Amino acid sequence: MPGTRKLGKPTDQRLAMLRALVTFLLEKGRIETTVARAKEVRAMAEKMITLGKENTLHSKRQVFAFVTKEAVAKKLFDEIAPKYADKNGGYTRIIKTGPRRGDAAEMAIIELV
């Protein structure tokens, strides 16, 4: 798994959160979260898009094992990955938006380029 940030959560909760965030990012195209989470999500989302570009049975099984919605995995192979066919990485962008009002956590928007 890419990244070594623990994000203040046990392993099972952290992986579930990352799976959900990656799924929402691929589904909606952009999400708002903290900077640390955005950096972890970027690594996982770029790995999923790279797997989507291969379009083999093995890569499909790997994506279906990670992405929590079947429709989003299908969208990844049919729509998202072909857009990046000629690009080697750099599929996402992180834009810092400033501190969150409640706890002053640094917030960011992560979006597909």
N, C-alpha and C. Protein backbone atom coordinates (compact mmCIF):
# COMPACT_ATOMS: atom_id res chain seq x y z
N MET A 1 0.83 -1.18 0.00
CA MET A 1 0.00 0.00 0.00
C MET A 1 0.88 1.25 0.00
N PRO A 2 0.56 2.18 -0.84
CA PRO A 2 1.34 3.42 -0.87
C PRO A 2 1.13 4.24 0.40
N GLY A 3 2.13 4.97 0.76
CA GLY A 3 2.00 5.88 1.90
C GLY A 3 2.21 5.20 3.23
N THR A 4 2.62 6.00 4.20
CA THR A 4 2.88 5.47 5.52
C THR A 4 2.15 6.27 6.59
N ARG A 5 1.25 7.16 6.20
CA ARG A 5 0.53 7.96 7.19
C ARG A 5 -0.51 7.09 7.89
N LYS A 6 -0.60 7.21 9.20
CA LYS A 6 -1.57 6.41 9.96
C LYS A 6 -2.89 7.14 10.13
N LEU A 7 -2.89 8.46 10.00
CA LEU A 7 -4.10 9.28 10.05
C LEU A 7 -4.91 9.09 11.32
N GLY A 8 -4.27 8.66 12.39
CA GLY A 8 -4.93 8.54 13.68
C GLY A 8 -5.98 7.46 13.75
N LYS A 9 -5.86 6.42 12.93
CA LYS A 9 -6.86 5.36 12.90
C LYS A 9 -6.19 3.99 12.87
N PRO A 10 -6.87 2.97 13.40
CA PRO A 10 -6.36 1.60 13.25
C PRO A 10 -6.37 1.19 11.77
N THR A 11 -5.63 0.16 11.43
CA THR A 11 -5.44 -0.22 10.03
C THR A 11 -6.75 -0.50 9.31
N ASP A 12 -7.65 -1.26 9.92
CA ASP A 12 -8.89 -1.61 9.22
C ASP A 12 -9.75 -0.38 8.95
N GLN A 13 -9.83 0.53 9.92
CA GLN A 13 -10.61 1.76 9.72
C GLN A 13 -9.97 2.65 8.67
N ARG A 14 -8.63 2.73 8.71
CA ARG A 14 -7.91 3.57 7.76
C ARG A 14 -8.12 3.07 6.33
N LEU A 15 -8.02 1.76 6.11
CA LEU A 15 -8.21 1.21 4.77
C LEU A 15 -9.64 1.40 4.29
N ALA A 16 -10.61 1.22 5.19
CA ALA A 16 -12.01 1.44 4.83
C ALA A 16 -12.25 2.89 4.43
N MET A 17 -11.66 3.82 5.17
CA MET A 17 -11.82 5.24 4.86
C MET A 17 -11.18 5.57 3.50
N LEU A 18 -9.98 5.04 3.26
CA LEU A 18 -9.31 5.31 1.98
C LEU A 18 -10.07 4.71 0.81
N ARG A 19 -10.61 3.51 0.99
CA ARG A 19 -11.42 2.88 -0.07
C ARG A 19 -12.63 3.75 -0.39
N ALA A 20 -13.29 4.26 0.66
CA ALA A 20 -14.47 5.10 0.45
C ALA A 20 -14.10 6.41 -0.23
N LEU A 21 -13.02 7.05 0.21
CA LEU A 21 -12.61 8.32 -0.39
C LEU A 21 -12.20 8.15 -1.86
N VAL A 22 -11.48 7.08 -2.17
CA VAL A 22 -11.09 6.82 -3.56
C VAL A 22 -12.33 6.57 -4.40
N THR A 23 -13.28 5.81 -3.87
CA THR A 23 -14.52 5.54 -4.61
C THR A 23 -15.28 6.83 -4.88
N PHE A 24 -15.42 7.69 -3.88
CA PHE A 24 -16.13 8.95 -4.07
C PHE A 24 -15.39 9.86 -5.05
N LEU A 25 -14.06 9.87 -4.99
CA LEU A 25 -13.29 10.69 -5.92
C LEU A 25 -13.51 10.24 -7.36
N LEU A 26 -13.47 8.94 -7.59
CA LEU A 26 -13.67 8.43 -8.94
C LEU A 26 -15.12 8.64 -9.40
N GLU A 27 -16.04 8.62 -8.46
CA GLU A 27 -17.46 8.78 -8.80
C GLU A 27 -17.79 10.23 -9.12
N LYS A 28 -17.35 11.16 -8.28
CA LYS A 28 -17.75 12.55 -8.41
C LYS A 28 -16.72 13.44 -9.13
N GLY A 29 -15.46 13.03 -9.14
CA GLY A 29 -14.44 13.82 -9.81
C GLY A 29 -13.68 14.76 -8.90
N ARG A 30 -14.27 15.17 -7.79
CA ARG A 30 -13.57 16.02 -6.81
C ARG A 30 -14.22 15.87 -5.46
N ILE A 31 -13.38 15.92 -4.40
CA ILE A 31 -13.87 15.85 -3.03
C ILE A 31 -13.06 16.81 -2.18
N GLU A 32 -13.63 17.22 -1.03
CA GLU A 32 -12.92 18.08 -0.10
C GLU A 32 -12.62 17.28 1.16
N THR A 33 -11.37 17.30 1.60
CA THR A 33 -10.94 16.56 2.77
C THR A 33 -9.71 17.26 3.34
N THR A 34 -9.09 16.66 4.36
CA THR A 34 -7.89 17.27 4.92
C THR A 34 -6.70 17.00 3.99
N VAL A 35 -5.65 17.77 4.17
CA VAL A 35 -4.48 17.65 3.29
C VAL A 35 -3.83 16.27 3.44
N ALA A 36 -3.69 15.78 4.67
CA ALA A 36 -3.04 14.48 4.88
C ALA A 36 -3.84 13.37 4.21
N ARG A 37 -5.16 13.40 4.35
CA ARG A 37 -5.99 12.39 3.70
C ARG A 37 -5.92 12.53 2.19
N ALA A 38 -5.91 13.75 1.70
CA ALA A 38 -5.84 13.97 0.24
C ALA A 38 -4.56 13.39 -0.34
N LYS A 39 -3.46 13.52 0.38
CA LYS A 39 -2.19 12.99 -0.13
C LYS A 39 -2.21 11.46 -0.18
N GLU A 40 -2.87 10.83 0.79
CA GLU A 40 -3.00 9.38 0.77
C GLU A 40 -3.96 8.93 -0.33
N VAL A 41 -5.06 9.67 -0.49
CA VAL A 41 -6.04 9.32 -1.51
C VAL A 41 -5.43 9.46 -2.90
N ARG A 42 -4.57 10.47 -3.09
CA ARG A 42 -3.94 10.65 -4.40
C ARG A 42 -3.16 9.42 -4.80
N ALA A 43 -2.39 8.86 -3.88
CA ALA A 43 -1.58 7.68 -4.21
C ALA A 43 -2.45 6.50 -4.61
N MET A 44 -3.53 6.28 -3.87
CA MET A 44 -4.39 5.14 -4.16
C MET A 44 -5.20 5.36 -5.44
N ALA A 45 -5.69 6.58 -5.66
CA ALA A 45 -6.49 6.86 -6.86
C ALA A 45 -5.63 6.73 -8.12
N GLU A 46 -4.40 7.21 -8.06
CA GLU A 46 -3.53 7.09 -9.23
C GLU A 46 -3.20 5.63 -9.51
N LYS A 47 -3.07 4.83 -8.46
CA LYS A 47 -2.83 3.40 -8.67
C LYS A 47 -4.04 2.75 -9.34
N MET A 48 -5.25 3.13 -8.92
CA MET A 48 -6.47 2.56 -9.52
C MET A 48 -6.60 2.97 -10.99
N ILE A 49 -6.28 4.21 -11.31
CA ILE A 49 -6.37 4.66 -12.70
C ILE A 49 -5.33 3.94 -13.56
N THR A 50 -4.14 3.73 -13.02
CA THR A 50 -3.12 2.99 -13.74
C THR A 50 -3.58 1.56 -14.01
N LEU A 51 -4.21 0.93 -13.02
CA LEU A 51 -4.75 -0.41 -13.23
C LEU A 51 -5.87 -0.38 -14.27
N GLY A 52 -6.67 0.69 -14.28
CA GLY A 52 -7.74 0.81 -15.25
C GLY A 52 -7.22 0.94 -16.67
N LYS A 53 -6.05 1.53 -16.83
CA LYS A 53 -5.46 1.67 -18.16
C LYS A 53 -5.02 0.33 -18.73
N GLU A 54 -4.65 -0.63 -17.88
CA GLU A 54 -4.21 -1.94 -18.36
C GLU A 54 -5.37 -2.74 -18.95
N ASN A 55 -6.53 -2.70 -18.30
CA ASN A 55 -7.75 -3.34 -18.79
C ASN A 55 -7.58 -4.85 -19.03
N THR A 56 -6.93 -5.53 -18.09
CA THR A 56 -6.82 -6.98 -18.14
C THR A 56 -7.71 -7.57 -17.05
N LEU A 57 -7.91 -8.85 -17.08
CA LEU A 57 -8.73 -9.51 -16.07
C LEU A 57 -8.13 -9.33 -14.68
N HIS A 58 -6.81 -9.45 -14.60
CA HIS A 58 -6.14 -9.29 -13.31
C HIS A 58 -6.33 -7.88 -12.76
N SER A 59 -6.15 -6.86 -13.59
CA SER A 59 -6.33 -5.48 -13.12
C SER A 59 -7.78 -5.21 -12.74
N LYS A 60 -8.73 -5.79 -13.48
CA LYS A 60 -10.14 -5.61 -13.13
C LYS A 60 -10.44 -6.22 -11.77
N ARG A 61 -9.89 -7.38 -11.48
CA ARG A 61 -10.12 -8.01 -10.18
C ARG A 61 -9.48 -7.19 -9.06
N GLN A 62 -8.32 -6.60 -9.31
CA GLN A 62 -7.69 -5.77 -8.29
C GLN A 62 -8.51 -4.53 -8.01
N VAL A 63 -9.05 -3.90 -9.06
CA VAL A 63 -9.87 -2.70 -8.87
C VAL A 63 -11.16 -3.05 -8.16
N PHE A 64 -11.84 -4.14 -8.57
CA PHE A 64 -13.08 -4.53 -7.93
C PHE A 64 -12.87 -4.91 -6.47
N ALA A 65 -11.67 -5.36 -6.12
CA ALA A 65 -11.38 -5.69 -4.73
C ALA A 65 -11.19 -4.45 -3.88
N PHE A 66 -10.86 -3.30 -4.48
CA PHE A 66 -10.58 -2.09 -3.71
C PHE A 66 -11.73 -1.09 -3.76
N VAL A 67 -12.27 -0.84 -4.94
CA VAL A 67 -13.35 0.14 -5.10
C VAL A 67 -14.64 -0.47 -4.55
N THR A 68 -15.39 0.32 -3.77
CA THR A 68 -16.54 -0.23 -3.06
C THR A 68 -17.82 -0.28 -3.87
N LYS A 69 -17.88 0.38 -5.02
CA LYS A 69 -19.10 0.37 -5.84
C LYS A 69 -18.77 -0.19 -7.22
N GLU A 70 -19.57 -1.15 -7.64
CA GLU A 70 -19.32 -1.80 -8.93
C GLU A 70 -19.49 -0.82 -10.08
N ALA A 71 -20.46 0.08 -9.98
CA ALA A 71 -20.69 1.06 -11.05
C ALA A 71 -19.50 2.01 -11.22
N VAL A 72 -18.86 2.34 -10.11
CA VAL A 72 -17.70 3.23 -10.17
C VAL A 72 -16.52 2.51 -10.81
N ALA A 73 -16.34 1.23 -10.51
CA ALA A 73 -15.26 0.46 -11.13
C ALA A 73 -15.49 0.35 -12.65
N LYS A 74 -16.73 0.15 -13.04
CA LYS A 74 -17.05 0.09 -14.47
C LYS A 74 -16.77 1.44 -15.13
N LYS A 75 -17.15 2.54 -14.44
CA LYS A 75 -16.89 3.88 -14.96
C LYS A 75 -15.39 4.11 -15.10
N LEU A 76 -14.60 3.58 -14.16
CA LEU A 76 -13.14 3.73 -14.22
C LEU A 76 -12.59 3.11 -15.50
N PHE A 77 -13.03 1.90 -15.84
CA PHE A 77 -12.52 1.22 -17.03
C PHE A 77 -13.08 1.80 -18.32
N ASP A 78 -14.34 2.26 -18.30
CA ASP A 78 -14.99 2.71 -19.54
C ASP A 78 -14.75 4.18 -19.85
N GLU A 79 -14.69 5.05 -18.83
CA GLU A 79 -14.62 6.48 -19.08
C GLU A 79 -13.33 7.14 -18.59
N ILE A 80 -12.95 6.86 -17.34
CA ILE A 80 -11.84 7.61 -16.73
C ILE A 80 -10.49 7.19 -17.30
N ALA A 81 -10.19 5.89 -17.28
CA ALA A 81 -8.88 5.42 -17.73
C ALA A 81 -8.57 5.75 -19.19
N PRO A 82 -9.53 5.62 -20.12
CA PRO A 82 -9.20 5.97 -21.52
C PRO A 82 -8.80 7.44 -21.70
N LYS A 83 -9.29 8.35 -20.82
CA LYS A 83 -8.89 9.75 -20.93
C LYS A 83 -7.40 9.94 -20.66
N TYR A 84 -6.83 9.07 -19.83
CA TYR A 84 -5.43 9.19 -19.43
C TYR A 84 -4.54 8.17 -20.14
N ALA A 85 -4.98 7.64 -21.27
CA ALA A 85 -4.24 6.57 -21.95
C ALA A 85 -2.83 7.00 -22.35
N ASP A 86 -2.65 8.26 -22.73
CA ASP A 86 -1.34 8.73 -23.20
C ASP A 86 -0.55 9.45 -22.11
N LYS A 87 -1.05 9.44 -20.87
CA LYS A 87 -0.41 10.18 -19.78
C LYS A 87 0.17 9.21 -18.77
N ASN A 88 1.38 9.47 -18.30
CA ASN A 88 2.04 8.60 -17.33
C ASN A 88 2.02 9.26 -15.96
N GLY A 89 0.93 9.09 -15.23
CA GLY A 89 0.84 9.63 -13.88
C GLY A 89 0.35 11.07 -13.87
N GLY A 90 0.15 11.60 -12.66
CA GLY A 90 -0.31 12.97 -12.51
C GLY A 90 -1.77 13.13 -12.87
N TYR A 91 -2.60 12.17 -12.43
CA TYR A 91 -4.01 12.20 -12.79
C TYR A 91 -4.84 13.05 -11.84
N THR A 92 -4.28 13.43 -10.69
CA THR A 92 -5.03 14.17 -9.69
C THR A 92 -4.32 15.47 -9.34
N ARG A 93 -5.10 16.39 -8.77
CA ARG A 93 -4.58 17.70 -8.36
C ARG A 93 -5.08 17.97 -6.95
N ILE A 94 -4.20 18.47 -6.08
CA ILE A 94 -4.59 18.85 -4.72
C ILE A 94 -4.47 20.36 -4.59
N ILE A 95 -5.57 21.01 -4.19
CA ILE A 95 -5.61 22.46 -4.01
C ILE A 95 -5.91 22.73 -2.55
N LYS A 96 -5.01 23.41 -1.84
CA LYS A 96 -5.23 23.72 -0.43
C LYS A 96 -6.22 24.88 -0.32
N THR A 97 -7.18 24.74 0.63
CA THR A 97 -8.24 25.74 0.74
C THR A 97 -8.22 26.50 2.06
N GLY A 98 -7.30 26.18 2.96
CA GLY A 98 -7.22 26.90 4.22
C GLY A 98 -7.73 26.05 5.38
N PRO A 99 -7.70 26.63 6.60
CA PRO A 99 -8.07 25.85 7.78
C PRO A 99 -9.58 25.66 7.90
N ARG A 100 -9.96 24.52 8.49
CA ARG A 100 -11.36 24.22 8.78
C ARG A 100 -11.78 25.01 10.00
N ARG A 101 -13.02 25.47 10.03
CA ARG A 101 -13.48 26.35 11.10
C ARG A 101 -13.47 25.69 12.47
N GLY A 102 -13.88 24.45 12.59
CA GLY A 102 -14.03 23.83 13.90
C GLY A 102 -12.73 23.53 14.60
N ASP A 103 -11.78 22.89 13.90
CA ASP A 103 -10.56 22.46 14.56
C ASP A 103 -9.29 22.97 13.88
N ALA A 104 -9.43 23.85 12.91
CA ALA A 104 -8.31 24.46 12.19
C ALA A 104 -7.45 23.45 11.45
N ALA A 105 -8.04 22.31 11.06
CA ALA A 105 -7.31 21.34 10.25
C ALA A 105 -7.16 21.90 8.84
N GLU A 106 -5.99 21.73 8.26
CA GLU A 106 -5.73 22.24 6.91
C GLU A 106 -6.55 21.44 5.90
N MET A 107 -7.40 22.11 5.15
CA MET A 107 -8.31 21.45 4.21
C MET A 107 -7.78 21.58 2.78
N ALA A 108 -8.23 20.66 1.93
CA ALA A 108 -7.81 20.66 0.54
C ALA A 108 -8.90 20.04 -0.32
N ILE A 109 -8.89 20.42 -1.59
CA ILE A 109 -9.77 19.80 -2.58
C ILE A 109 -8.88 18.93 -3.46
N ILE A 110 -9.27 17.68 -3.62
CA ILE A 110 -8.55 16.78 -4.54
C ILE A 110 -9.49 16.49 -5.69
N GLU A 111 -8.97 16.63 -6.92
CA GLU A 111 -9.80 16.45 -8.10
C GLU A 111 -9.01 15.75 -9.19
N LEU A 112 -9.75 15.12 -10.10
CA LEU A 112 -9.13 14.52 -11.27
C LEU A 112 -8.78 15.62 -12.25
N VAL A 113 -7.62 15.54 -12.86
CA VAL A 113 -7.17 16.57 -13.81
C VAL A 113 -7.93 16.41 -15.12
